[in-house]
N, C-alpha and C. Protein backbone atom coordinates (compact mmCIF):
# COMPACT_ATOMS: atom_id res chain seq x y z
N MET A 1 -20.07 -8.40 -4.72
CA MET A 1 -19.99 -8.92 -3.37
C MET A 1 -18.97 -8.11 -2.56
N ARG A 2 -19.34 -7.75 -1.38
CA ARG A 2 -18.49 -6.96 -0.49
C ARG A 2 -17.42 -7.85 0.13
N LYS A 3 -16.18 -7.38 0.09
CA LYS A 3 -15.06 -8.13 0.66
C LYS A 3 -14.92 -7.76 2.14
N PRO A 4 -14.76 -8.75 3.01
CA PRO A 4 -14.63 -8.43 4.44
C PRO A 4 -13.32 -7.71 4.74
N VAL A 5 -13.37 -6.82 5.69
CA VAL A 5 -12.17 -6.11 6.13
C VAL A 5 -11.51 -7.00 7.18
N ALA A 6 -10.69 -7.91 6.68
CA ALA A 6 -10.02 -8.89 7.54
C ALA A 6 -8.75 -9.37 6.86
N CYS A 7 -7.81 -9.86 7.66
CA CYS A 7 -6.55 -10.39 7.16
C CYS A 7 -6.50 -11.88 7.50
N SER A 8 -6.07 -12.68 6.54
CA SER A 8 -5.99 -14.12 6.77
C SER A 8 -4.65 -14.58 7.33
N LEU A 9 -3.69 -13.66 7.50
CA LEU A 9 -2.38 -14.04 8.04
C LEU A 9 -2.43 -14.17 9.56
N ASP A 10 -1.57 -15.05 10.11
CA ASP A 10 -1.43 -15.10 11.56
C ASP A 10 -0.64 -13.87 11.99
N ALA A 11 -0.59 -13.61 13.29
CA ALA A 11 0.02 -12.39 13.80
C ALA A 11 1.49 -12.24 13.41
N SER A 12 2.23 -13.32 13.47
CA SER A 12 3.66 -13.26 13.12
C SER A 12 3.87 -12.94 11.64
N SER A 13 3.12 -13.61 10.79
CA SER A 13 3.24 -13.36 9.35
C SER A 13 2.78 -11.96 8.99
N ALA A 14 1.72 -11.49 9.64
CA ALA A 14 1.24 -10.12 9.38
C ALA A 14 2.30 -9.11 9.80
N HIS A 15 2.95 -9.34 10.92
CA HIS A 15 4.01 -8.45 11.38
C HIS A 15 5.17 -8.44 10.39
N ASP A 16 5.56 -9.62 9.92
CA ASP A 16 6.64 -9.71 8.93
C ASP A 16 6.30 -8.97 7.65
N GLN A 17 5.06 -9.12 7.19
CA GLN A 17 4.66 -8.45 5.95
C GLN A 17 4.61 -6.93 6.16
N LEU A 18 4.16 -6.50 7.31
CA LEU A 18 4.15 -5.08 7.64
C LEU A 18 5.56 -4.51 7.65
N ASP A 19 6.51 -5.25 8.21
CA ASP A 19 7.91 -4.83 8.19
C ASP A 19 8.44 -4.73 6.77
N GLU A 20 8.02 -5.66 5.92
CA GLU A 20 8.46 -5.62 4.52
C GLU A 20 7.90 -4.40 3.82
N TRP A 21 6.62 -4.09 4.04
CA TRP A 21 6.03 -2.87 3.48
C TRP A 21 6.85 -1.65 3.93
N ARG A 22 7.12 -1.60 5.22
CA ARG A 22 7.85 -0.45 5.79
C ARG A 22 9.20 -0.29 5.10
N SER A 23 9.91 -1.39 4.92
CA SER A 23 11.23 -1.36 4.29
C SER A 23 11.14 -0.92 2.82
N VAL A 24 10.22 -1.51 2.08
CA VAL A 24 10.10 -1.21 0.64
C VAL A 24 9.64 0.23 0.43
N LEU A 25 8.61 0.65 1.15
CA LEU A 25 8.07 2.00 0.93
C LEU A 25 8.98 3.09 1.46
N ALA A 26 9.72 2.83 2.53
CA ALA A 26 10.63 3.85 3.08
C ALA A 26 11.70 4.26 2.08
N THR A 27 12.10 3.34 1.21
CA THR A 27 13.12 3.67 0.21
C THR A 27 12.53 4.09 -1.12
N ALA A 28 11.21 3.94 -1.29
CA ALA A 28 10.59 4.20 -2.60
C ALA A 28 9.75 5.48 -2.65
N VAL A 29 9.15 5.87 -1.55
CA VAL A 29 8.17 6.96 -1.56
C VAL A 29 8.84 8.32 -1.37
N VAL A 30 8.52 9.24 -2.27
CA VAL A 30 8.98 10.63 -2.16
C VAL A 30 8.00 11.42 -1.31
N GLU A 31 6.72 11.27 -1.61
CA GLU A 31 5.68 11.95 -0.84
C GLU A 31 4.38 11.17 -1.00
N SER A 32 3.49 11.36 -0.05
CA SER A 32 2.19 10.71 -0.12
C SER A 32 1.10 11.73 0.13
N GLU A 33 -0.05 11.44 -0.44
CA GLU A 33 -1.20 12.35 -0.32
C GLU A 33 -2.46 11.52 -0.16
N ARG A 34 -3.24 11.87 0.84
CA ARG A 34 -4.54 11.23 1.02
C ARG A 34 -5.51 11.92 0.07
N ILE A 35 -5.96 11.22 -0.95
CA ILE A 35 -6.85 11.78 -1.95
C ILE A 35 -8.26 11.94 -1.39
N ASP A 36 -8.69 10.94 -0.65
CA ASP A 36 -9.97 10.98 0.04
C ASP A 36 -9.91 9.96 1.17
N GLU A 37 -11.03 9.71 1.81
CA GLU A 37 -11.07 8.83 2.97
C GLU A 37 -10.50 7.44 2.70
N HIS A 38 -10.66 6.97 1.49
CA HIS A 38 -10.25 5.59 1.20
C HIS A 38 -9.22 5.45 0.08
N THR A 39 -8.52 6.55 -0.25
CA THR A 39 -7.51 6.50 -1.30
C THR A 39 -6.23 7.22 -0.86
N LEU A 40 -5.12 6.52 -0.99
CA LEU A 40 -3.81 7.07 -0.66
C LEU A 40 -2.94 6.97 -1.91
N GLU A 41 -2.35 8.09 -2.31
CA GLU A 41 -1.47 8.11 -3.48
C GLU A 41 -0.05 8.43 -3.01
N MET A 42 0.91 7.58 -3.43
CA MET A 42 2.31 7.76 -3.05
C MET A 42 3.15 7.96 -4.31
N ARG A 43 3.81 9.11 -4.39
CA ARG A 43 4.71 9.36 -5.53
C ARG A 43 6.02 8.65 -5.24
N LEU A 44 6.49 7.89 -6.23
CA LEU A 44 7.68 7.08 -6.05
C LEU A 44 8.93 7.75 -6.62
N ARG A 45 10.05 7.40 -6.06
CA ARG A 45 11.34 7.86 -6.58
C ARG A 45 11.53 7.26 -7.97
N PRO A 46 12.26 7.94 -8.84
CA PRO A 46 12.49 7.41 -10.19
C PRO A 46 13.17 6.03 -10.19
N ASP A 47 13.97 5.76 -9.18
CA ASP A 47 14.69 4.49 -9.12
C ASP A 47 14.02 3.47 -8.18
N ALA A 48 12.77 3.71 -7.82
CA ALA A 48 12.06 2.79 -6.92
C ALA A 48 11.95 1.40 -7.53
N ASP A 49 12.00 0.40 -6.68
CA ASP A 49 11.86 -0.99 -7.11
C ASP A 49 10.38 -1.30 -7.27
N VAL A 50 9.82 -0.91 -8.40
CA VAL A 50 8.39 -1.07 -8.66
C VAL A 50 8.00 -2.55 -8.68
N ALA A 51 8.88 -3.41 -9.18
CA ALA A 51 8.59 -4.85 -9.20
C ALA A 51 8.40 -5.38 -7.78
N ALA A 52 9.20 -4.92 -6.84
CA ALA A 52 9.06 -5.35 -5.44
C ALA A 52 7.74 -4.86 -4.86
N ILE A 53 7.35 -3.64 -5.21
CA ILE A 53 6.08 -3.08 -4.73
C ILE A 53 4.92 -3.89 -5.29
N ILE A 54 4.97 -4.21 -6.56
CA ILE A 54 3.90 -5.01 -7.18
C ILE A 54 3.81 -6.38 -6.53
N SER A 55 4.94 -7.04 -6.34
CA SER A 55 4.94 -8.36 -5.72
C SER A 55 4.34 -8.32 -4.31
N LEU A 56 4.73 -7.33 -3.54
CA LEU A 56 4.21 -7.20 -2.19
C LEU A 56 2.71 -6.87 -2.21
N ALA A 57 2.30 -6.02 -3.13
CA ALA A 57 0.88 -5.68 -3.25
C ALA A 57 0.05 -6.92 -3.60
N GLN A 58 0.57 -7.77 -4.48
CA GLN A 58 -0.15 -9.00 -4.82
C GLN A 58 -0.29 -9.91 -3.60
N ARG A 59 0.76 -10.01 -2.81
CA ARG A 59 0.68 -10.82 -1.59
C ARG A 59 -0.29 -10.21 -0.58
N GLU A 60 -0.32 -8.89 -0.52
CA GLU A 60 -1.24 -8.21 0.40
C GLU A 60 -2.69 -8.48 0.01
N ILE A 61 -2.97 -8.40 -1.28
CA ILE A 61 -4.34 -8.67 -1.75
C ILE A 61 -4.75 -10.11 -1.46
N ALA A 62 -3.78 -11.03 -1.51
CA ALA A 62 -4.09 -12.44 -1.23
C ALA A 62 -4.56 -12.64 0.21
N CYS A 63 -4.00 -11.88 1.16
CA CYS A 63 -4.39 -12.05 2.56
C CYS A 63 -5.41 -11.01 3.03
N CYS A 64 -5.45 -9.88 2.37
CA CYS A 64 -6.35 -8.78 2.74
C CYS A 64 -7.06 -8.30 1.46
N PRO A 65 -8.04 -9.07 0.98
CA PRO A 65 -8.64 -8.77 -0.32
C PRO A 65 -9.43 -7.47 -0.40
N PHE A 66 -9.62 -6.80 0.72
CA PHE A 66 -10.32 -5.51 0.70
C PHE A 66 -9.43 -4.40 0.16
N PHE A 67 -8.11 -4.60 0.13
CA PHE A 67 -7.19 -3.61 -0.43
C PHE A 67 -7.27 -3.62 -1.95
N GLY A 68 -7.08 -2.45 -2.54
CA GLY A 68 -6.90 -2.32 -3.98
C GLY A 68 -5.61 -1.55 -4.21
N PHE A 69 -4.85 -1.91 -5.23
CA PHE A 69 -3.60 -1.23 -5.51
C PHE A 69 -3.50 -0.96 -7.00
N ALA A 70 -2.81 0.13 -7.36
CA ALA A 70 -2.58 0.47 -8.76
C ALA A 70 -1.25 1.22 -8.86
N ILE A 71 -0.63 1.08 -10.01
CA ILE A 71 0.55 1.87 -10.36
C ILE A 71 0.11 2.79 -11.49
N ASN A 72 0.30 4.09 -11.31
CA ASN A 72 -0.05 5.06 -12.35
C ASN A 72 1.22 5.72 -12.88
N LEU A 73 1.27 5.88 -14.18
CA LEU A 73 2.43 6.49 -14.84
C LEU A 73 2.02 7.73 -15.60
N ASP A 74 2.85 8.74 -15.54
CA ASP A 74 2.72 9.86 -16.46
C ASP A 74 4.13 10.27 -16.87
N ALA A 75 4.27 11.32 -17.62
CA ALA A 75 5.58 11.71 -18.17
C ALA A 75 6.60 12.03 -17.08
N ASP A 76 6.13 12.49 -15.92
CA ASP A 76 7.05 12.94 -14.89
C ASP A 76 7.07 12.10 -13.61
N ASN A 77 6.06 11.27 -13.41
CA ASN A 77 5.93 10.59 -12.13
C ASN A 77 5.41 9.16 -12.26
N VAL A 78 5.76 8.38 -11.27
CA VAL A 78 5.16 7.06 -11.06
C VAL A 78 4.53 7.12 -9.68
N THR A 79 3.26 6.75 -9.60
CA THR A 79 2.57 6.76 -8.31
C THR A 79 2.02 5.38 -8.01
N PHE A 80 2.02 5.05 -6.74
CA PHE A 80 1.45 3.82 -6.21
C PHE A 80 0.22 4.23 -5.43
N VAL A 81 -0.92 3.67 -5.78
CA VAL A 81 -2.19 4.07 -5.17
C VAL A 81 -2.75 2.89 -4.39
N ALA A 82 -3.11 3.13 -3.15
CA ALA A 82 -3.76 2.13 -2.30
C ALA A 82 -5.17 2.60 -2.01
N THR A 83 -6.12 1.69 -2.13
CA THR A 83 -7.51 2.02 -1.83
C THR A 83 -8.09 0.96 -0.89
N VAL A 84 -9.05 1.40 -0.09
CA VAL A 84 -9.78 0.51 0.81
C VAL A 84 -11.24 0.96 0.82
N PRO A 85 -12.14 0.09 1.24
CA PRO A 85 -13.52 0.53 1.40
C PRO A 85 -13.61 1.54 2.55
N PRO A 86 -14.66 2.36 2.58
CA PRO A 86 -14.76 3.39 3.61
C PRO A 86 -14.62 2.88 5.04
N ASP A 87 -15.11 1.69 5.33
CA ASP A 87 -15.03 1.20 6.71
C ASP A 87 -13.63 0.72 7.08
N ALA A 88 -12.69 0.72 6.14
CA ALA A 88 -11.31 0.34 6.43
C ALA A 88 -10.38 1.56 6.45
N ALA A 89 -10.95 2.76 6.47
CA ALA A 89 -10.14 3.98 6.46
C ALA A 89 -9.08 4.00 7.56
N PRO A 90 -9.36 3.54 8.79
CA PRO A 90 -8.31 3.53 9.81
C PRO A 90 -7.10 2.66 9.43
N ILE A 91 -7.33 1.60 8.69
CA ILE A 91 -6.23 0.75 8.24
C ILE A 91 -5.37 1.53 7.25
N LEU A 92 -5.99 2.30 6.37
CA LEU A 92 -5.25 3.11 5.41
C LEU A 92 -4.47 4.22 6.12
N ASP A 93 -5.00 4.71 7.23
CA ASP A 93 -4.26 5.70 8.02
C ASP A 93 -2.91 5.14 8.43
N GLY A 94 -2.90 3.91 8.92
CA GLY A 94 -1.65 3.26 9.31
C GLY A 94 -0.76 2.98 8.14
N PHE A 95 -1.35 2.56 7.03
CA PHE A 95 -0.59 2.26 5.83
C PHE A 95 0.12 3.52 5.33
N ALA A 96 -0.52 4.67 5.47
CA ALA A 96 0.05 5.94 5.00
C ALA A 96 1.36 6.27 5.70
N THR A 97 1.55 5.81 6.92
CA THR A 97 2.77 6.12 7.65
C THR A 97 3.95 5.25 7.24
N LEU A 98 3.72 4.18 6.51
CA LEU A 98 4.78 3.23 6.17
C LEU A 98 5.83 3.80 5.22
N GLY A 99 5.47 4.78 4.42
CA GLY A 99 6.41 5.35 3.46
C GLY A 99 7.32 6.40 4.05
N HIS A 100 7.27 6.58 5.35
CA HIS A 100 8.08 7.61 6.01
C HIS A 100 9.12 6.91 6.88
N ALA A 101 10.39 7.11 6.51
CA ALA A 101 11.49 6.45 7.26
C ALA A 101 11.64 7.02 8.64
């Protein structure tokens, strides 16, 4: 079943959550790369608060179920990956700017 590209938060709550994303990602992201139209990969600092990112991602999925998130680990890096369906690509464009202070 296709998930609608919509947010269930009211405007004030959505603004607050967006500010929280901005705050968390600005201190955590080293660099970001758009993998394709609907995938954004953000390399995290070694000391990033991954638990805070996970908690915020879970809350985001609760109000915007079209988002997908993953944490990927390898020997040298931790990455946070955000995905959206193709018709939500403009939303991911905005999300990509949140990791830049």
